[in-house]
Amino acid sequence: MKLAFLMHPVKEMKASLKFYRENLGLEEAWREGDHTVALKLPGTEVQMMLEDEDEGLPGGGVFIVDSVDSFYEQKKELLKFVKDPVDIPPGRYAIYQDDAGNPIRIIDMTKEG
């Protein structure tokens, strides 16, 4: 697993982008429609991803794995998955919780080749 993003759920994307751009000087790295925007964190490869998330979960890390489906199959009896694997533009995505209830999001890039 490799940390890819710090995910922050937001209520209003436009207001949140304004905050991070004007107050912290972060620049947009990429976006997916109007509901997901990644910002560059200076001096690191890690990005902050803002998302209009409807999962009702707090923010946290998003980690890249080789295969979300393989990870899920190997760990589904050991971990509490709160979102089973689903398709996303670059690949697959799932969420499980640690023993304190913190969400841990995993993605793979299987659609990017």
N, C-alpha and C. Protein backbone atom coordinates (compact mmCIF):
# COMPACT_ATOMS: atom_id res chain seq x y z
N MET A 1 0.84 -1.18 0.00
CA MET A 1 0.00 0.00 0.00
C MET A 1 0.89 1.24 0.00
N LYS A 2 0.47 2.20 -0.80
CA LYS A 2 1.20 3.46 -0.90
C LYS A 2 0.20 4.61 -0.78
N LEU A 3 0.52 5.58 0.07
CA LEU A 3 -0.37 6.73 0.23
C LEU A 3 -0.41 7.53 -1.06
N ALA A 4 -1.62 7.77 -1.57
CA ALA A 4 -1.80 8.52 -2.81
C ALA A 4 -2.39 9.90 -2.53
N PHE A 5 -3.40 9.95 -1.69
CA PHE A 5 -4.11 11.20 -1.42
C PHE A 5 -4.45 11.31 0.05
N LEU A 6 -4.65 12.53 0.48
CA LEU A 6 -5.34 12.79 1.74
C LEU A 6 -6.72 13.24 1.32
N MET A 7 -7.73 12.49 1.66
CA MET A 7 -9.09 12.77 1.22
C MET A 7 -9.81 13.61 2.26
N HIS A 8 -10.40 14.71 1.81
CA HIS A 8 -11.19 15.58 2.68
C HIS A 8 -12.58 15.73 2.10
N PRO A 9 -13.60 15.19 2.78
CA PRO A 9 -14.96 15.42 2.30
C PRO A 9 -15.34 16.88 2.53
N VAL A 10 -16.04 17.47 1.58
CA VAL A 10 -16.43 18.87 1.69
C VAL A 10 -17.93 19.01 1.42
N LYS A 11 -18.50 20.07 1.97
CA LYS A 11 -19.94 20.33 1.76
C LYS A 11 -20.16 21.18 0.53
N GLU A 12 -19.29 22.15 0.30
CA GLU A 12 -19.43 23.04 -0.84
C GLU A 12 -18.08 23.16 -1.54
N MET A 13 -17.97 22.54 -2.71
CA MET A 13 -16.70 22.47 -3.41
C MET A 13 -16.14 23.85 -3.73
N LYS A 14 -16.95 24.74 -4.26
CA LYS A 14 -16.45 26.06 -4.65
C LYS A 14 -15.85 26.81 -3.46
N ALA A 15 -16.54 26.80 -2.33
CA ALA A 15 -16.04 27.48 -1.14
C ALA A 15 -14.76 26.83 -0.62
N SER A 16 -14.72 25.49 -0.66
CA SER A 16 -13.54 24.78 -0.19
C SER A 16 -12.33 25.05 -1.08
N LEU A 17 -12.54 25.04 -2.39
CA LEU A 17 -11.43 25.35 -3.30
C LEU A 17 -10.90 26.75 -3.06
N LYS A 18 -11.80 27.68 -2.86
CA LYS A 18 -11.39 29.06 -2.59
C LYS A 18 -10.53 29.11 -1.32
N PHE A 19 -10.96 28.42 -0.27
CA PHE A 19 -10.22 28.39 0.99
C PHE A 19 -8.80 27.87 0.78
N TYR A 20 -8.67 26.69 0.17
CA TYR A 20 -7.36 26.07 0.01
C TYR A 20 -6.46 26.84 -0.95
N ARG A 21 -7.04 27.41 -1.98
CA ARG A 21 -6.24 28.19 -2.93
C ARG A 21 -5.78 29.51 -2.33
N GLU A 22 -6.71 30.26 -1.76
CA GLU A 22 -6.39 31.61 -1.26
C GLU A 22 -5.63 31.59 0.05
N ASN A 23 -5.97 30.70 0.95
CA ASN A 23 -5.35 30.71 2.27
C ASN A 23 -4.07 29.87 2.35
N LEU A 24 -3.98 28.83 1.55
CA LEU A 24 -2.82 27.94 1.62
C LEU A 24 -2.00 27.92 0.33
N GLY A 25 -2.50 28.55 -0.71
CA GLY A 25 -1.76 28.63 -1.97
C GLY A 25 -1.65 27.32 -2.73
N LEU A 26 -2.56 26.38 -2.46
CA LEU A 26 -2.50 25.10 -3.17
C LEU A 26 -3.04 25.26 -4.59
N GLU A 27 -2.47 24.48 -5.50
CA GLU A 27 -2.87 24.54 -6.91
C GLU A 27 -3.55 23.24 -7.31
N GLU A 28 -4.47 23.35 -8.25
CA GLU A 28 -5.20 22.18 -8.72
C GLU A 28 -4.27 21.25 -9.48
N ALA A 29 -4.36 19.94 -9.17
CA ALA A 29 -3.58 18.92 -9.86
C ALA A 29 -4.43 18.24 -10.93
N TRP A 30 -5.68 17.92 -10.60
CA TRP A 30 -6.62 17.30 -11.53
C TRP A 30 -8.01 17.37 -10.94
N ARG A 31 -9.00 17.06 -11.75
CA ARG A 31 -10.37 17.01 -11.26
C ARG A 31 -11.16 15.96 -12.01
N GLU A 32 -12.20 15.51 -11.35
CA GLU A 32 -13.16 14.59 -11.96
C GLU A 32 -14.53 15.24 -11.82
N GLY A 33 -14.97 15.88 -12.88
CA GLY A 33 -16.25 16.58 -12.84
C GLY A 33 -16.22 17.72 -11.84
N ASP A 34 -17.36 17.98 -11.23
CA ASP A 34 -17.48 19.05 -10.24
C ASP A 34 -17.45 18.53 -8.81
N HIS A 35 -17.31 17.21 -8.63
CA HIS A 35 -17.41 16.65 -7.28
C HIS A 35 -16.09 16.16 -6.69
N THR A 36 -15.02 16.10 -7.49
CA THR A 36 -13.72 15.65 -6.99
C THR A 36 -12.61 16.51 -7.58
N VAL A 37 -11.80 17.12 -6.71
CA VAL A 37 -10.67 17.94 -7.16
C VAL A 37 -9.47 17.61 -6.28
N ALA A 38 -8.33 17.38 -6.93
CA ALA A 38 -7.09 17.12 -6.20
C ALA A 38 -6.21 18.37 -6.25
N LEU A 39 -5.57 18.66 -5.14
CA LEU A 39 -4.69 19.81 -5.02
C LEU A 39 -3.27 19.35 -4.73
N LYS A 40 -2.30 20.06 -5.28
CA LYS A 40 -0.89 19.73 -5.07
C LYS A 40 -0.44 20.20 -3.69
N LEU A 41 0.23 19.32 -2.96
CA LEU A 41 0.85 19.68 -1.70
C LEU A 41 2.32 19.95 -1.98
N PRO A 42 2.77 21.16 -1.77
CA PRO A 42 4.16 21.53 -2.10
C PRO A 42 5.18 20.61 -1.43
N GLY A 43 6.21 20.23 -2.20
CA GLY A 43 7.31 19.45 -1.65
C GLY A 43 7.03 17.98 -1.43
N THR A 44 5.93 17.47 -1.98
CA THR A 44 5.60 16.07 -1.80
C THR A 44 4.85 15.55 -3.01
N GLU A 45 4.81 14.23 -3.17
CA GLU A 45 4.02 13.64 -4.24
C GLU A 45 2.57 13.42 -3.81
N VAL A 46 2.29 13.54 -2.53
CA VAL A 46 0.94 13.32 -2.01
C VAL A 46 0.07 14.52 -2.36
N GLN A 47 -1.16 14.24 -2.71
CA GLN A 47 -2.11 15.28 -3.04
C GLN A 47 -3.26 15.27 -2.04
N MET A 48 -3.94 16.42 -1.92
CA MET A 48 -5.14 16.52 -1.11
C MET A 48 -6.32 16.45 -2.06
N MET A 49 -7.19 15.48 -1.86
CA MET A 49 -8.35 15.31 -2.71
C MET A 49 -9.58 15.80 -1.96
N LEU A 50 -10.24 16.80 -2.52
CA LEU A 50 -11.50 17.29 -1.98
C LEU A 50 -12.63 16.60 -2.72
N GLU A 51 -13.63 16.14 -1.98
CA GLU A 51 -14.71 15.41 -2.64
C GLU A 51 -16.03 15.67 -1.95
N ASP A 52 -17.05 15.87 -2.76
CA ASP A 52 -18.43 15.91 -2.25
C ASP A 52 -18.80 14.47 -1.97
N GLU A 53 -18.46 14.01 -0.78
CA GLU A 53 -18.67 12.59 -0.48
C GLU A 53 -19.98 12.40 0.24
N ASP A 54 -20.70 11.36 -0.15
CA ASP A 54 -21.97 11.06 0.49
C ASP A 54 -21.91 9.86 1.41
N GLU A 55 -20.71 9.39 1.71
CA GLU A 55 -20.56 8.22 2.58
C GLU A 55 -20.79 8.57 4.05
N GLY A 56 -20.70 9.86 4.40
CA GLY A 56 -20.85 10.26 5.79
C GLY A 56 -19.66 9.89 6.66
N LEU A 57 -18.51 9.65 6.05
CA LEU A 57 -17.31 9.26 6.78
C LEU A 57 -16.34 10.44 6.84
N PRO A 58 -15.52 10.49 7.88
CA PRO A 58 -14.51 11.56 7.94
C PRO A 58 -13.41 11.34 6.91
N GLY A 59 -12.58 12.34 6.74
CA GLY A 59 -11.46 12.26 5.81
C GLY A 59 -10.40 11.29 6.30
N GLY A 60 -9.41 11.09 5.44
CA GLY A 60 -8.31 10.21 5.79
C GLY A 60 -7.49 9.88 4.56
N GLY A 61 -6.64 8.90 4.69
CA GLY A 61 -5.77 8.52 3.60
C GLY A 61 -6.47 7.67 2.56
N VAL A 62 -6.01 7.82 1.32
CA VAL A 62 -6.41 6.96 0.21
C VAL A 62 -5.15 6.27 -0.26
N PHE A 63 -5.16 4.95 -0.23
CA PHE A 63 -3.97 4.16 -0.51
C PHE A 63 -4.12 3.38 -1.81
N ILE A 64 -3.04 3.32 -2.57
CA ILE A 64 -3.02 2.55 -3.80
C ILE A 64 -2.60 1.12 -3.48
N VAL A 65 -3.36 0.16 -3.99
CA VAL A 65 -3.01 -1.25 -3.90
C VAL A 65 -2.96 -1.80 -5.33
N ASP A 66 -2.33 -2.95 -5.51
CA ASP A 66 -2.24 -3.53 -6.85
C ASP A 66 -3.63 -3.88 -7.39
N SER A 67 -4.47 -4.47 -6.54
CA SER A 67 -5.81 -4.86 -6.95
C SER A 67 -6.75 -4.75 -5.76
N VAL A 68 -7.73 -3.88 -5.87
CA VAL A 68 -8.73 -3.74 -4.81
C VAL A 68 -9.49 -5.06 -4.64
N ASP A 69 -9.84 -5.70 -5.74
CA ASP A 69 -10.60 -6.95 -5.65
C ASP A 69 -9.81 -8.05 -4.95
N SER A 70 -8.52 -8.17 -5.24
CA SER A 70 -7.70 -9.18 -4.57
C SER A 70 -7.55 -8.85 -3.08
N PHE A 71 -7.30 -7.57 -2.77
CA PHE A 71 -7.18 -7.13 -1.37
C PHE A 71 -8.48 -7.47 -0.63
N TYR A 72 -9.60 -7.13 -1.24
CA TYR A 72 -10.91 -7.40 -0.63
C TYR A 72 -11.10 -8.89 -0.37
N GLU A 73 -10.82 -9.71 -1.36
CA GLU A 73 -11.01 -11.16 -1.20
C GLU A 73 -10.11 -11.72 -0.10
N GLN A 74 -8.89 -11.23 -0.01
CA GLN A 74 -7.95 -11.71 1.00
C GLN A 74 -8.28 -11.23 2.40
N LYS A 75 -8.91 -10.04 2.52
CA LYS A 75 -9.09 -9.41 3.82
C LYS A 75 -10.53 -9.28 4.28
N LYS A 76 -11.52 -9.67 3.47
CA LYS A 76 -12.92 -9.38 3.81
C LYS A 76 -13.38 -10.04 5.11
N GLU A 77 -12.76 -11.12 5.52
CA GLU A 77 -13.13 -11.77 6.78
C GLU A 77 -12.41 -11.14 7.98
N LEU A 78 -11.32 -10.41 7.72
CA LEU A 78 -10.53 -9.80 8.79
C LEU A 78 -10.86 -8.34 9.04
N LEU A 79 -11.30 -7.64 8.00
CA LEU A 79 -11.53 -6.20 8.08
C LEU A 79 -13.01 -5.87 7.93
N LYS A 80 -13.39 -4.73 8.48
CA LYS A 80 -14.78 -4.28 8.37
C LYS A 80 -14.89 -3.35 7.16
N PHE A 81 -15.35 -3.90 6.05
CA PHE A 81 -15.55 -3.09 4.85
C PHE A 81 -16.89 -2.35 4.96
N VAL A 82 -16.84 -1.04 4.75
CA VAL A 82 -18.06 -0.23 4.78
C VAL A 82 -18.48 0.16 3.37
N LYS A 83 -17.62 -0.09 2.39
CA LYS A 83 -17.95 0.07 0.97
C LYS A 83 -17.22 -1.03 0.22
N ASP A 84 -17.99 -1.94 -0.35
CA ASP A 84 -17.40 -3.01 -1.14
C ASP A 84 -16.82 -2.42 -2.43
N PRO A 85 -15.95 -3.16 -3.11
CA PRO A 85 -15.31 -2.64 -4.33
C PRO A 85 -16.32 -2.17 -5.38
N VAL A 86 -16.02 -0.99 -5.93
CA VAL A 86 -16.83 -0.40 -7.01
C VAL A 86 -15.89 0.16 -8.07
N ASP A 87 -16.44 0.36 -9.25
CA ASP A 87 -15.67 0.98 -10.34
C ASP A 87 -15.55 2.47 -10.13
N ILE A 88 -14.37 3.00 -10.44
CA ILE A 88 -14.12 4.44 -10.50
C ILE A 88 -13.32 4.66 -11.78
N PRO A 89 -13.21 5.90 -12.26
CA PRO A 89 -12.52 6.11 -13.54
C PRO A 89 -11.15 5.44 -13.68
N PRO A 90 -10.23 5.51 -12.69
CA PRO A 90 -8.94 4.87 -12.94
C PRO A 90 -8.92 3.37 -12.64
N GLY A 91 -9.93 2.83 -11.95
CA GLY A 91 -9.88 1.42 -11.59
C GLY A 91 -10.99 1.01 -10.66
N ARG A 92 -10.61 0.57 -9.44
CA ARG A 92 -11.58 0.10 -8.43
C ARG A 92 -11.30 0.81 -7.11
N TYR A 93 -12.32 0.83 -6.23
CA TYR A 93 -12.28 1.60 -5.00
C TYR A 93 -13.07 0.85 -3.93
N ALA A 94 -12.60 0.89 -2.69
CA ALA A 94 -13.32 0.30 -1.55
C ALA A 94 -12.90 1.05 -0.29
N ILE A 95 -13.69 0.88 0.76
CA ILE A 95 -13.38 1.50 2.06
C ILE A 95 -13.57 0.47 3.16
N TYR A 96 -12.58 0.40 4.05
CA TYR A 96 -12.74 -0.39 5.26
C TYR A 96 -12.39 0.50 6.46
N GLN A 97 -12.68 0.02 7.66
CA GLN A 97 -12.41 0.79 8.87
C GLN A 97 -11.39 0.06 9.74
N ASP A 98 -10.56 0.88 10.41
CA ASP A 98 -9.64 0.28 11.38
C ASP A 98 -10.42 0.00 12.66
N ASP A 99 -9.73 -0.50 13.68
CA ASP A 99 -10.43 -0.87 14.91
C ASP A 99 -10.97 0.32 15.70
N ALA A 100 -10.57 1.54 15.34
CA ALA A 100 -11.11 2.75 15.98
C ALA A 100 -12.22 3.39 15.14
N GLY A 101 -12.55 2.78 14.00
CA GLY A 101 -13.62 3.30 13.15
C GLY A 101 -13.16 4.29 12.10
N ASN A 102 -11.86 4.51 11.98
CA ASN A 102 -11.34 5.42 10.95
C ASN A 102 -11.43 4.78 9.58
N PRO A 103 -11.91 5.53 8.58
CA PRO A 103 -11.98 4.94 7.24
C PRO A 103 -10.61 4.87 6.57
N ILE A 104 -10.37 3.76 5.91
CA ILE A 104 -9.17 3.59 5.11
C ILE A 104 -9.65 3.26 3.70
N ARG A 105 -9.36 4.17 2.79
CA ARG A 105 -9.82 4.03 1.41
C ARG A 105 -8.70 3.42 0.57
N ILE A 106 -9.06 2.48 -0.29
CA ILE A 106 -8.09 1.87 -1.18
C ILE A 106 -8.57 2.01 -2.63
N ILE A 107 -7.59 2.22 -3.51
CA ILE A 107 -7.89 2.29 -4.94
C ILE A 107 -6.85 1.50 -5.70
N ASP A 108 -7.21 1.13 -6.92
CA ASP A 108 -6.20 0.61 -7.83
C ASP A 108 -6.34 1.35 -9.14
N MET A 109 -5.35 1.20 -9.98
CA MET A 109 -5.32 1.92 -11.26
C MET A 109 -5.43 0.92 -12.41
N THR A 110 -6.27 -0.08 -12.25
CA THR A 110 -6.36 -1.15 -13.23
C THR A 110 -6.93 -0.71 -14.58
N LYS A 111 -7.65 0.38 -14.63
CA LYS A 111 -8.19 0.85 -15.91
C LYS A 111 -7.20 1.73 -16.66
N GLU A 112 -6.13 2.15 -15.99
CA GLU A 112 -5.15 3.03 -16.63
C GLU A 112 -4.08 2.25 -17.38
N GLY A 113 -4.13 0.93 -17.28
CA GLY A 113 -3.16 0.10 -17.98
C GLY A 113 -1.90 0.06 -17.26
